[in-house]
Protein backbone atom coordinates (compact mmCIF):
# COMPACT_ATOMS: atom_id res chain seq x y z
CA UNK A 1 -25.81 -28.54 76.94
CA UNK A 2 -29.58 -28.66 77.17
CA UNK A 3 -32.37 -31.16 77.76
CA UNK A 4 -35.93 -30.02 77.05
CA UNK A 5 -39.36 -31.53 77.43
CA UNK A 6 -42.91 -30.24 77.30
CA UNK A 7 -42.91 -29.21 80.96
CA UNK A 8 -39.24 -28.73 81.79
CA UNK A 9 -35.88 -27.40 80.66
CA UNK A 10 -32.42 -28.29 82.01
CA UNK A 11 -29.45 -26.26 80.80
CA UNK A 12 -25.76 -26.14 81.61
CA UNK A 13 -23.84 -22.88 81.45
CA UNK A 14 -20.18 -23.83 81.15
CA UNK A 15 -18.82 -20.32 81.89
CA UNK A 16 -20.29 -20.44 85.41
CA UNK A 17 -20.55 -24.25 85.76
CA UNK A 18 -24.25 -23.83 86.55
CA UNK A 19 -27.02 -26.36 85.92
CA UNK A 20 -30.40 -24.60 85.66
CA UNK A 21 -33.57 -26.63 86.20
CA UNK A 22 -36.96 -25.15 85.28
CA UNK A 23 -40.54 -26.37 85.15
CA UNK A 24 -41.98 -29.66 86.40
CA UNK A 25 -40.26 -33.04 86.17
CA UNK A 26 -42.79 -35.86 86.29
CA UNK A 27 -41.00 -38.35 84.06
CA UNK A 28 -41.70 -42.08 84.28
CA UNK A 29 -39.19 -44.14 86.23
CA UNK A 30 -35.43 -43.99 86.04
CA UNK A 31 -35.41 -44.52 82.28
CA UNK A 32 -37.41 -41.31 81.84
CA UNK A 33 -34.49 -39.40 83.34
CA UNK A 34 -31.76 -40.92 81.12
CA UNK A 35 -31.10 -37.73 79.12
CA UNK A 36 -30.97 -35.61 82.27
CA UNK A 37 -28.65 -38.10 83.99
CA UNK A 38 -26.36 -38.00 80.93
CA UNK A 39 -26.17 -34.21 81.18
CA UNK A 40 -25.44 -34.38 84.92
CA UNK A 41 -22.75 -37.03 84.38
CA UNK A 42 -21.09 -34.95 81.64
CA UNK A 43 -20.95 -31.98 84.00
CA UNK A 44 -19.40 -34.06 86.79
CA UNK A 45 -16.83 -35.46 84.33
CA UNK A 46 -15.72 -31.91 83.49
CA UNK A 47 -14.75 -31.57 87.19
CA UNK A 48 -15.14 -27.79 87.46
CA UNK A 49 -13.94 -26.26 90.72
CA UNK A 50 -17.55 -25.45 91.69
CA UNK A 51 -20.82 -26.81 90.33
CA UNK A 52 -23.98 -24.82 91.03
CA UNK A 53 -27.29 -26.68 90.77
CA UNK A 54 -30.11 -24.12 90.52
CA UNK A 55 -33.48 -25.62 91.41
CA UNK A 56 -35.29 -22.43 92.41
CA UNK A 57 -37.39 -22.53 89.21
CA UNK A 58 -38.16 -26.26 89.46
CA UNK A 59 -41.78 -26.42 90.64
CA UNK A 60 -42.05 -30.19 90.97
CA UNK A 61 -39.73 -33.20 91.04
CA UNK A 62 -41.01 -36.75 91.50
CA UNK A 63 -39.24 -39.52 93.39
CA UNK A 64 -37.44 -40.79 90.26
CA UNK A 65 -36.05 -37.30 89.73
CA UNK A 66 -34.96 -37.03 93.36
CA UNK A 67 -33.21 -40.38 92.89
CA UNK A 68 -31.38 -39.02 89.81
CA UNK A 69 -30.25 -35.92 91.74
CA UNK A 70 -29.15 -38.08 94.66
CA UNK A 71 -26.94 -40.17 92.38
CA UNK A 72 -25.45 -36.98 90.92
CA UNK A 73 -24.64 -35.66 94.40
CA UNK A 74 -23.02 -38.98 95.36
CA UNK A 75 -21.02 -38.96 92.12
CA UNK A 76 -19.71 -35.44 92.76
CA UNK A 77 -18.92 -36.37 96.38
CA UNK A 78 -17.00 -39.48 95.36
CA UNK A 79 -14.98 -37.66 92.69
CA UNK A 80 -13.76 -35.16 95.33
CA UNK A 81 -12.96 -32.69 92.54
CA UNK A 82 -15.79 -30.14 92.72
CA UNK A 83 -17.54 -28.12 95.36
CA UNK A 84 -21.33 -28.41 95.01
CA UNK A 85 -23.76 -25.56 95.64
CA UNK A 86 -27.49 -26.32 95.49
CA UNK A 87 -29.88 -23.36 95.28
CA UNK A 88 -33.56 -23.79 96.03
CA UNK A 89 -36.58 -21.84 97.18
CA UNK A 90 -39.15 -22.00 99.97
CA UNK A 91 -41.87 -21.33 97.37
CA UNK A 92 -42.05 -25.02 96.42
CA UNK A 93 -42.63 -27.20 99.52
CA UNK A 94 -40.91 -30.31 98.10
CA UNK A 95 -37.54 -28.54 98.11
CA UNK A 96 -37.19 -28.01 101.87
CA UNK A 97 -37.10 -31.67 102.90
CA UNK A 98 -35.67 -33.16 99.70
CA UNK A 99 -32.75 -30.76 99.40
CA UNK A 100 -31.79 -31.28 103.05
CA UNK A 101 -31.69 -35.01 102.32
CA UNK A 102 -29.22 -34.31 99.49
CA UNK A 103 -27.04 -32.51 102.01
CA UNK A 104 -26.97 -35.68 104.12
CA UNK A 105 -25.43 -37.47 101.13
CA UNK A 106 -22.72 -34.81 100.82
CA UNK A 107 -22.33 -32.95 104.13
CA UNK A 108 -19.95 -30.32 102.72
CA UNK A 109 -22.44 -29.42 99.97
CA UNK A 110 -23.61 -25.81 100.27
CA UNK A 111 -27.38 -25.56 100.42
CA UNK A 112 -28.90 -22.15 99.76
CA UNK A 113 -32.68 -21.92 100.16
CA UNK A 114 -34.23 -18.47 99.76
């Protein structure tokens, strides 16, 4: 599965149950994220044992994108079927605070920031 735009690329690798996010996501409002939300929902419906969300190559994410990720985290938490690992980086300042907020939504989520 893949969603691509001019400034971003989101892919899902089924063998490792990894969602890779690259580039900059500055889409307009929640409707701008519909395709990405569909991909995230399809992944959560597969209910793999572990889902890895790799954000270490995502340079920018606006508030609508953070909202979409938050809903995904809540969905995975409520399904109680998959462990969630979120990988980020200290290179992009937005990740420190925003990713810790995701962990508040799902306290047993593993957050790895390098």
